Amino acid sequence: MTDKEITTDNWGVPPFNRWSFQNVQLLFPTTRIRRGAGPVTEFGSDAQDLDGISYVGLDGSNRSVRQMLEASYTDSFLVAKNGVILCDQYFNDMAVDSHHLLNSITKSYVGMLTGNLVEQGCLQVDDAVTQYLPELLETAFSGTTVRHVLDMSAAVEYGEDYADPDADFWIESAVVGWRPALVNDDSATSLLDYARSLQAKEQLDGEKYHYRSVLTNVLGMVLERASGRKLQDLLQTEIWSPLGPEQDAAIVVDRMGFPYVGAGMNACARDLARFGQMIVQRGFFNGRQIVPAAWIDDARYADAHAATIFAASEYGEFMPGGHYRNKLWVMDAEKGVMLAIGIHGQTIYMDMSTGVVIVKLSSQPESAAMEMFSDTFAAMGAISGAV
């Protein structure tokens, strides 16, 4: 396989995604989220061989971390504890400075950014989305609040079955060029136009948890309007640059230059570890409070309603006892185990009880191979307990 065989039509499917997930910037329009002029926040180093750590797989058999890495199309794998890198491995021609598509890990950056703007008084979580986006008054978002889009409980009807080639998720991603075959004369030409086209509701706002990427894109639009600043600039100045990253990030944009924050960010593994370490430390990193501690605490503990609607959703069995809040997946609130997750095997695992942060970037063939995710989380839990 050569890069010349990879096109915008086949880039997202195997085996082509093994190359394309590291080369999104060659395929689609993107904008930079710059690291800024500040110094890099350095990690300590204490290299350890973690391959032999064992855990119990889904089938009840004992498995090793090495087996998990080999079976789950790993491109990079990093383990850090209290700011010290214990393991930093790269596969599939990926290197320490390689960018990789994050898919829905992108959402967690927007979730944390929202906390900053709430603290700054730009908006409140109970504000109506249409207060900032009056274009959506006559749409399915007419009664939706910022909290609803933060926590995936809005009313809008939107299908995110990745196995369905005509799912709403793919139709929306066609706006940024990800599915050229779905574009026709009636297609939306911007992410805002796409959101404005959604008229049907599938539930009451706040009634159920249902994961839908369009809600994060709408949240990003709200943050732009509420602050009067471009979303990419907000991400850069409020979150990315303060982390002291090694590299710029990049994010796919629509024709209007608006970032596709539902899934379009690209970054390097070590810089994702910095983000995870910041969350583990309740928002304090690189000598400053980057995200309000209270916002991260709210994500961690949420409320009974968040736990109830998550348990009743299709993800309740996948992550029993968990919930979703402020664009983070919370596996264990008591221990403070939280995750940022993206399709095809992207994960940042964050354990407040141990100080462990684990980054895994992958190019799995299936969008949502739940058995691979579950197996990966089990391995990460074993690592966090062992180191």
Protein backbone atom coordinates (compact mmCIF):
# COMPACT_ATOMS: atom_id res chain seq x y z
CA MET A 1 0.00 0.00 0.00
CA THR A 2 1.26 3.49 -0.88
CA ASP A 3 -0.09 6.91 -0.02
CA LYS A 4 -1.11 7.34 -3.68
CA GLU A 5 -3.72 4.61 -3.22
CA ILE A 6 -5.38 6.55 -0.40
CA THR A 7 -8.10 9.04 -1.28
CA THR A 8 -10.79 10.98 0.55
CA ASP A 9 -13.16 8.19 -0.47
CA ASN A 10 -11.28 5.30 1.16
CA TRP A 11 -9.15 7.01 3.83
CA GLY A 12 -11.33 5.95 6.77
CA VAL A 13 -11.48 2.21 6.08
CA PRO A 14 -8.87 -0.54 6.55
CA PRO A 15 -6.14 -0.93 5.60
CA PHE A 16 -5.91 2.67 4.43
CA ASN A 17 -6.64 4.18 7.85
CA ARG A 18 -3.35 2.78 9.13
CA TRP A 19 -1.65 5.50 7.05
CA SER A 20 -4.34 8.16 6.86
CA PHE A 21 -4.88 8.58 10.61
CA GLN A 22 -1.32 9.95 10.79
CA ASN A 23 -1.71 12.08 7.66
CA VAL A 24 -5.10 13.78 7.92
CA GLN A 25 -3.48 17.14 7.20
CA LEU A 26 -2.52 15.89 3.73
CA LEU A 27 -6.10 14.88 2.96
CA PHE A 28 -8.37 17.60 4.36
CA PRO A 29 -8.32 21.33 5.15
CA THR A 30 -7.14 21.96 8.70
CA THR A 31 -6.22 24.86 10.95
CA ARG A 32 -3.37 24.89 13.44
CA ILE A 33 -3.79 25.09 17.20
CA ARG A 34 -0.38 26.52 17.96
CA ARG A 35 1.76 25.58 20.92
CA GLY A 36 2.87 29.19 21.40
CA ALA A 37 6.29 30.56 22.32
CA GLY A 38 6.50 29.22 25.86
CA PRO A 39 8.81 26.46 27.04
CA VAL A 40 7.83 22.80 26.81
CA THR A 41 6.56 21.29 30.04
CA GLU A 42 9.02 18.46 30.43
CA PHE A 43 8.16 14.97 31.67
CA GLY A 44 10.45 12.99 33.89
CA SER A 45 11.58 9.59 32.62
CA ASP A 46 11.71 6.20 34.33
CA ALA A 47 11.53 3.63 31.54
CA GLN A 48 9.90 0.38 32.60
CA ASP A 49 8.90 -2.80 30.81
CA LEU A 50 5.14 -3.00 31.31
CA ASP A 51 4.45 -5.56 28.58
CA GLY A 52 4.14 -8.46 31.00
CA ILE A 53 1.52 -6.91 33.28
CA SER A 54 -1.44 -9.27 33.23
CA TYR A 55 -5.17 -8.75 33.45
CA VAL A 56 -8.33 -10.76 32.96
CA GLY A 57 -9.76 -10.47 29.46
CA LEU A 58 -13.42 -10.47 28.49
CA ASP A 59 -13.34 -14.25 28.01
CA GLY A 60 -11.98 -14.78 31.53
CA SER A 61 -8.50 -15.71 30.40
CA ASN A 62 -5.30 -14.05 31.59
CA ARG A 63 -3.84 -11.67 29.03
CA SER A 64 -0.79 -9.44 28.94
CA VAL A 65 -0.43 -5.80 28.02
CA ARG A 66 1.73 -6.88 25.09
CA GLN A 67 -1.08 -9.09 23.78
CA MET A 68 -3.52 -6.18 24.03
CA LEU A 69 -1.19 -3.86 22.12
CA GLU A 70 -0.60 -6.38 19.35
CA ALA A 71 -4.27 -7.29 18.98
CA SER A 72 -5.70 -3.75 18.89
CA TYR A 73 -3.86 -2.01 16.00
CA THR A 74 -1.82 0.23 18.29
CA ASP A 75 0.02 3.20 16.78
CA SER A 76 1.33 4.72 20.02
CA PHE A 77 1.17 3.81 23.68
CA LEU A 78 2.32 6.00 26.55
CA VAL A 79 2.10 5.48 30.32
CA ALA A 80 2.94 8.28 32.77
CA LYS A 81 2.64 8.50 36.54
CA ASN A 82 2.76 11.82 38.35
CA GLY A 83 4.37 13.47 35.35
CA VAL A 84 7.02 10.77 34.79
CA ILE A 85 6.91 8.71 31.59
CA LEU A 86 7.22 5.01 32.32
CA CYS A 87 6.51 3.70 28.82
CA ASP A 88 6.53 5.49 25.45
CA GLN A 89 6.13 3.12 22.48
CA TYR A 90 5.42 3.76 18.78
CA PHE A 91 4.29 1.36 16.07
CA ASN A 92 3.11 1.44 12.44
CA ASP A 93 5.76 4.01 11.45
CA MET A 94 4.51 6.49 14.04
CA ALA A 95 7.11 8.59 15.89
CA VAL A 96 7.19 10.78 18.97
CA ASP A 97 6.40 13.87 16.86
CA SER A 98 3.78 12.23 14.61
CA HIS A 99 0.28 13.68 14.56
CA HIS A 100 -2.60 11.25 14.81
CA LEU A 101 -6.33 11.69 14.37
CA LEU A 102 -8.02 11.80 17.77
CA ASN A 103 -11.63 11.40 16.65
CA SER A 104 -13.87 12.06 19.66
CA ILE A 105 -11.06 12.74 22.11
CA THR A 106 -11.51 16.15 20.48
CA LYS A 107 -14.77 16.56 22.37
CA SER A 108 -13.06 16.45 25.75
CA TYR A 109 -10.98 19.52 24.87
CA VAL A 110 -14.16 21.42 24.08
CA GLY A 111 -15.72 20.20 27.32
CA MET A 112 -12.82 21.54 29.37
CA LEU A 113 -12.79 24.81 27.41
CA THR A 114 -16.45 25.30 28.33
CA GLY A 115 -15.52 25.27 32.01
CA ASN A 116 -13.12 28.16 31.46
CA LEU A 117 -15.72 30.28 29.69
CA VAL A 118 -18.31 29.55 32.37
CA GLU A 119 -15.86 30.69 35.05
CA GLN A 120 -15.10 33.82 33.02
CA GLY A 121 -18.81 34.68 32.90
CA CYS A 122 -19.18 34.32 29.14
CA LEU A 123 -22.10 31.88 29.52
CA GLN A 124 -23.91 29.63 31.99
CA VAL A 125 -24.72 25.94 31.62
CA ASP A 126 -28.46 26.59 31.91
CA ASP A 127 -28.44 29.11 29.06
CA ALA A 128 -30.42 28.17 25.97
CA VAL A 129 -28.31 27.30 22.94
CA THR A 130 -30.52 29.62 20.89
CA GLN A 131 -29.53 32.56 23.11
CA TYR A 132 -26.24 32.45 21.22
CA LEU A 133 -27.40 30.77 18.01
CA PRO A 134 -30.76 32.34 17.07
CA GLU A 135 -30.41 30.57 13.71
CA LEU A 136 -31.47 27.41 15.57
CA LEU A 137 -34.73 28.80 16.99
CA GLU A 138 -36.88 26.94 14.46
CA THR A 139 -34.98 23.66 14.74
CA ALA A 140 -34.74 20.63 17.01
CA PHE A 141 -32.48 22.71 19.27
CA SER A 142 -35.26 25.13 20.22
CA GLY A 143 -35.38 24.02 23.88
CA THR A 144 -31.81 22.79 24.31
CA THR A 145 -29.45 24.22 26.93
CA VAL A 146 -25.67 24.28 27.16
CA ARG A 147 -25.89 21.53 29.79
CA HIS A 148 -27.85 19.33 27.39
CA VAL A 149 -25.21 19.59 24.65
CA LEU A 150 -22.39 19.15 27.17
CA ASP A 151 -23.81 15.90 28.48
CA MET A 152 -25.35 14.37 25.34
CA SER A 153 -28.93 14.63 26.57
CA ALA A 154 -30.41 17.05 24.00
CA ALA A 155 -33.63 16.35 22.11
CA VAL A 156 -32.37 16.36 18.51
CA GLU A 157 -32.82 13.21 16.44
CA TYR A 158 -29.43 12.14 15.11
CA GLY A 159 -28.11 8.66 14.39
CA GLU A 160 -24.54 7.71 15.26
CA ASP A 161 -24.44 4.08 14.22
CA TYR A 162 -21.00 4.02 12.62
CA ALA A 163 -21.80 0.76 10.86
CA ASP A 164 -24.58 2.50 8.92
CA PRO A 165 -22.94 4.22 5.91
CA ASP A 166 -25.86 6.65 5.71
CA ALA A 167 -25.96 7.54 9.41
CA ASP A 168 -26.37 11.19 10.37
CA PHE A 169 -22.83 11.12 11.76
CA TRP A 170 -21.43 10.40 8.30
CA ILE A 171 -23.74 12.91 6.61
CA GLU A 172 -22.48 15.60 8.99
CA SER A 173 -18.85 14.57 8.49
CA ALA A 174 -19.39 14.85 4.73
CA VAL A 175 -19.58 18.61 5.33
CA VAL A 176 -15.82 18.58 6.08
CA GLY A 177 -15.04 16.18 3.22
CA TRP A 178 -14.90 12.90 5.11
CA ARG A 179 -17.59 11.17 3.03
CA PRO A 180 -17.60 12.65 -0.49
CA ALA A 181 -20.11 10.06 -1.73
CA LEU A 182 -22.77 11.49 0.60
CA VAL A 183 -22.53 15.02 -0.82
CA ASN A 184 -25.28 16.13 -3.18
CA ASP A 185 -26.86 19.39 -4.39
CA ASP A 186 -28.91 19.66 -1.19
CA SER A 187 -26.05 19.01 1.24
CA ALA A 188 -25.18 21.53 3.92
CA THR A 189 -22.08 23.57 3.13
CA SER A 190 -21.10 24.34 6.74
CA LEU A 191 -21.47 22.67 10.13
CA LEU A 192 -23.83 25.44 11.21
CA ASP A 193 -26.00 24.89 8.14
CA TYR A 194 -26.08 21.20 8.94
CA ALA A 195 -27.23 21.84 12.52
CA ARG A 196 -29.86 24.25 11.19
CA SER A 197 -31.25 21.49 8.96
CA LEU A 198 -32.13 19.24 11.91
CA GLN A 199 -35.83 19.53 12.70
CA ALA A 200 -36.87 16.25 14.32
CA LYS A 201 -36.64 15.47 18.03
CA GLU A 202 -36.25 11.95 19.42
CA GLN A 203 -36.81 12.74 23.12
CA LEU A 204 -37.32 15.57 25.57
CA ASP A 205 -34.25 17.65 26.33
CA GLY A 206 -32.49 16.09 29.31
CA GLU A 207 -34.62 12.94 29.24
CA LYS A 208 -32.04 10.42 28.01
CA TYR A 209 -28.33 10.06 27.38
CA HIS A 210 -27.65 9.51 23.68
CA TYR A 211 -24.19 10.09 22.26
CA ARG A 212 -24.34 12.44 19.24
CA SER A 213 -21.37 14.26 17.75
CA VAL A 214 -23.43 17.13 16.39
CA LEU A 215 -23.96 18.31 19.97
CA THR A 216 -20.26 19.06 20.41
CA ASN A 217 -20.15 20.99 17.16
CA VAL A 218 -23.12 23.05 18.33
CA LEU A 219 -21.39 23.61 21.68
CA GLY A 220 -18.35 24.91 19.84
CA MET A 221 -20.55 27.37 17.95
CA VAL A 222 -22.05 28.55 21.24
CA LEU A 223 -18.58 29.12 22.72
CA GLU A 224 -17.58 31.23 19.72
CA ARG A 225 -20.67 33.42 19.96
CA ALA A 226 -20.55 33.72 23.75
CA SER A 227 -16.91 34.80 23.77
CA GLY A 228 -16.68 36.68 20.49
CA ARG A 229 -13.55 34.71 19.65
CA LYS A 230 -12.81 31.98 17.10
CA LEU A 231 -13.04 28.49 18.50
CA GLN A 232 -9.54 27.52 17.36
CA ASP A 233 -8.14 30.61 19.10
CA LEU A 234 -10.01 29.72 22.30
CA LEU A 235 -8.66 26.17 22.24
CA GLN A 236 -5.16 27.50 21.64
CA THR A 237 -5.03 30.22 24.28
CA GLU A 238 -7.19 28.63 26.98
CA ILE A 239 -6.15 24.97 26.81
CA TRP A 240 -3.45 23.95 24.34
CA SER A 241 -0.71 26.55 24.75
CA PRO A 242 -0.94 26.68 28.59
CA LEU A 243 -0.15 22.95 28.73
CA GLY A 244 3.37 23.64 27.40
CA PRO A 245 3.04 21.11 24.55
CA GLU A 246 5.86 19.91 22.32
CA GLN A 247 3.93 20.31 19.07
CA ASP A 248 1.10 22.27 17.50
CA ALA A 249 -2.18 20.46 17.16
CA ALA A 250 -4.32 20.63 14.01
CA ILE A 251 -8.04 20.34 13.46
CA VAL A 252 -10.15 19.69 10.38
CA VAL A 253 -12.36 22.63 9.34
CA ASP A 254 -15.42 23.19 7.19
CA ARG A 255 -15.55 25.61 4.25
CA MET A 256 -16.16 28.53 6.62
CA GLY A 257 -13.04 27.65 8.60
CA PHE A 258 -15.03 26.39 11.60
CA PRO A 259 -13.31 23.50 13.44
CA TYR A 260 -14.92 20.07 13.30
CA VAL A 261 -14.76 19.53 17.06
CA GLY A 262 -17.00 16.49 16.90
CA ALA A 263 -14.02 14.41 15.76
CA GLY A 264 -11.39 16.35 13.80
CA MET A 265 -8.43 17.11 16.07
CA ASN A 266 -4.93 15.73 15.42
CA ALA A 267 -2.08 15.74 17.95
CA CYS A 268 0.94 13.86 19.31
CA ALA A 269 0.78 11.29 22.09
CA ARG A 270 2.93 13.14 24.62
CA ASP A 271 0.82 16.25 24.29
CA LEU A 272 -2.29 14.21 25.00
CA ALA A 273 -0.57 12.96 28.14
CA ARG A 274 -0.09 16.56 29.24
CA PHE A 275 -3.83 17.15 28.86
CA GLY A 276 -4.56 13.99 30.83
CA GLN A 277 -2.12 14.95 33.58
CA MET A 278 -3.81 18.34 33.85
CA ILE A 279 -7.18 16.66 34.42
CA VAL A 280 -5.71 14.19 36.96
CA GLN A 281 -4.38 17.22 38.85
CA ARG A 282 -7.83 18.87 38.90
CA GLY A 283 -6.91 21.39 36.24
CA PHE A 284 -3.58 22.54 37.69
CA PHE A 285 -0.60 21.99 35.40
CA ASN A 286 2.51 23.81 34.23
CA GLY A 287 2.38 26.09 37.26
CA ARG A 288 -1.15 27.37 36.69
CA GLN A 289 -4.82 26.50 36.99
CA ILE A 290 -5.67 25.78 33.35
CA VAL A 291 -9.23 24.48 33.91
CA PRO A 292 -11.25 25.27 37.06
CA ALA A 293 -10.94 22.50 39.65
CA ALA A 294 -14.68 22.76 40.32
CA TRP A 295 -15.42 22.01 36.66
CA ILE A 296 -13.37 18.82 36.73
CA ASP A 297 -14.95 17.86 40.06
CA ASP A 298 -18.36 18.35 38.47
CA ALA A 299 -17.36 16.03 35.62
CA ARG A 300 -16.09 13.45 38.11
CA TYR A 301 -19.09 13.38 40.44
CA ALA A 302 -21.92 14.84 38.29
CA ASP A 303 -25.34 14.12 39.80
CA ALA A 304 -27.80 11.27 40.19
CA HIS A 305 -29.61 12.18 36.99
CA ALA A 306 -26.44 11.83 34.89
CA ALA A 307 -25.79 8.39 36.37
CA THR A 308 -29.41 7.29 35.88
CA ILE A 309 -29.72 8.24 32.23
CA PHE A 310 -26.29 6.80 31.42
CA ALA A 311 -27.17 3.48 33.07
CA ALA A 312 -30.36 3.31 30.98
CA SER A 313 -28.49 3.95 27.73
CA GLU A 314 -26.74 1.53 25.39
CA TYR A 315 -23.48 2.36 27.17
CA GLY A 316 -24.72 1.37 30.63
CA GLU A 317 -23.53 -2.21 30.20
CA PHE A 318 -20.31 -1.11 28.53
CA MET A 319 -19.33 1.08 31.49
CA PRO A 320 -21.40 -0.05 34.51
CA GLY A 321 -21.63 2.50 37.28
CA GLY A 322 -20.27 5.19 35.00
CA HIS A 323 -21.59 8.43 33.59
CA TYR A 324 -20.82 11.09 30.99
CA ARG A 325 -20.31 14.72 32.02
CA ASN A 326 -18.67 17.80 30.50
CA LYS A 327 -17.46 15.67 27.55
CA LEU A 328 -15.61 13.16 29.74
CA TRP A 329 -16.46 9.51 30.31
CA VAL A 330 -16.33 8.71 34.02
CA MET A 331 -15.71 5.04 34.72
CA ASP A 332 -15.32 5.28 38.52
CA ALA A 333 -16.18 8.54 40.26
CA GLU A 334 -14.93 7.38 43.67
CA LYS A 335 -11.44 6.59 42.37
CA GLY A 336 -11.53 9.38 39.81
CA VAL A 337 -11.05 7.16 36.75
CA MET A 338 -12.02 9.17 33.69
CA LEU A 339 -11.51 8.75 29.97
CA ALA A 340 -11.47 10.64 26.71
CA ILE A 341 -12.42 8.22 23.94
CA GLY A 342 -12.48 8.27 20.14
CA ILE A 343 -13.59 5.71 17.58
CA HIS A 344 -11.07 3.32 16.04
CA GLY A 345 -9.31 2.95 19.40
CA GLN A 346 -8.28 6.40 20.65
CA THR A 347 -8.05 6.69 24.45
CA ILE A 348 -6.72 8.88 27.23
CA TYR A 349 -7.10 7.00 30.54
CA MET A 350 -6.84 9.17 33.66
CA ASP A 351 -6.75 7.78 37.21
CA MET A 352 -6.78 10.40 39.96
CA SER A 353 -6.28 7.77 42.66
CA THR A 354 -2.89 6.67 41.29
CA GLY A 355 -1.74 9.68 39.25
CA VAL A 356 -1.53 7.47 36.16
CA VAL A 357 -2.26 8.76 32.65
CA ILE A 358 -2.28 6.35 29.69
CA VAL A 359 -2.54 7.37 26.03
CA LYS A 360 -3.33 4.88 23.28
CA LEU A 361 -3.69 5.94 19.65
CA SER A 362 -4.84 3.29 17.21
CA SER A 363 -6.08 2.58 13.70
CA GLN A 364 -8.52 -0.22 14.36
CA PRO A 365 -10.52 -1.53 11.40
CA GLU A 366 -13.92 -1.04 13.04
CA SER A 367 -15.17 2.31 14.27
CA ALA A 368 -16.52 0.94 17.52
CA ALA A 369 -15.14 -2.50 18.36
CA MET A 370 -16.49 -2.52 21.91
CA GLU A 371 -14.64 -5.69 22.85
CA MET A 372 -11.33 -4.02 21.97
CA PHE A 373 -12.23 -0.95 24.01
CA SER A 374 -13.28 -3.05 27.00
CA ASP A 375 -10.13 -5.15 26.77
CA THR A 376 -8.00 -2.01 26.52
CA PHE A 377 -9.65 -0.45 29.57
CA ALA A 378 -9.07 -3.64 31.57
CA ALA A 379 -5.40 -3.57 30.63
CA MET A 380 -5.11 0.10 31.54
CA GLY A 381 -6.75 -0.53 34.90
CA ALA A 382 -4.21 -3.29 35.59
CA ILE A 383 -1.34 -0.99 34.62
CA SER A 384 -2.63 1.81 36.85
CA GLY A 385 -2.83 -0.58 39.78
CA ALA A 386 0.59 -2.10 39.16
CA VAL A 387 2.83 0.90 38.67
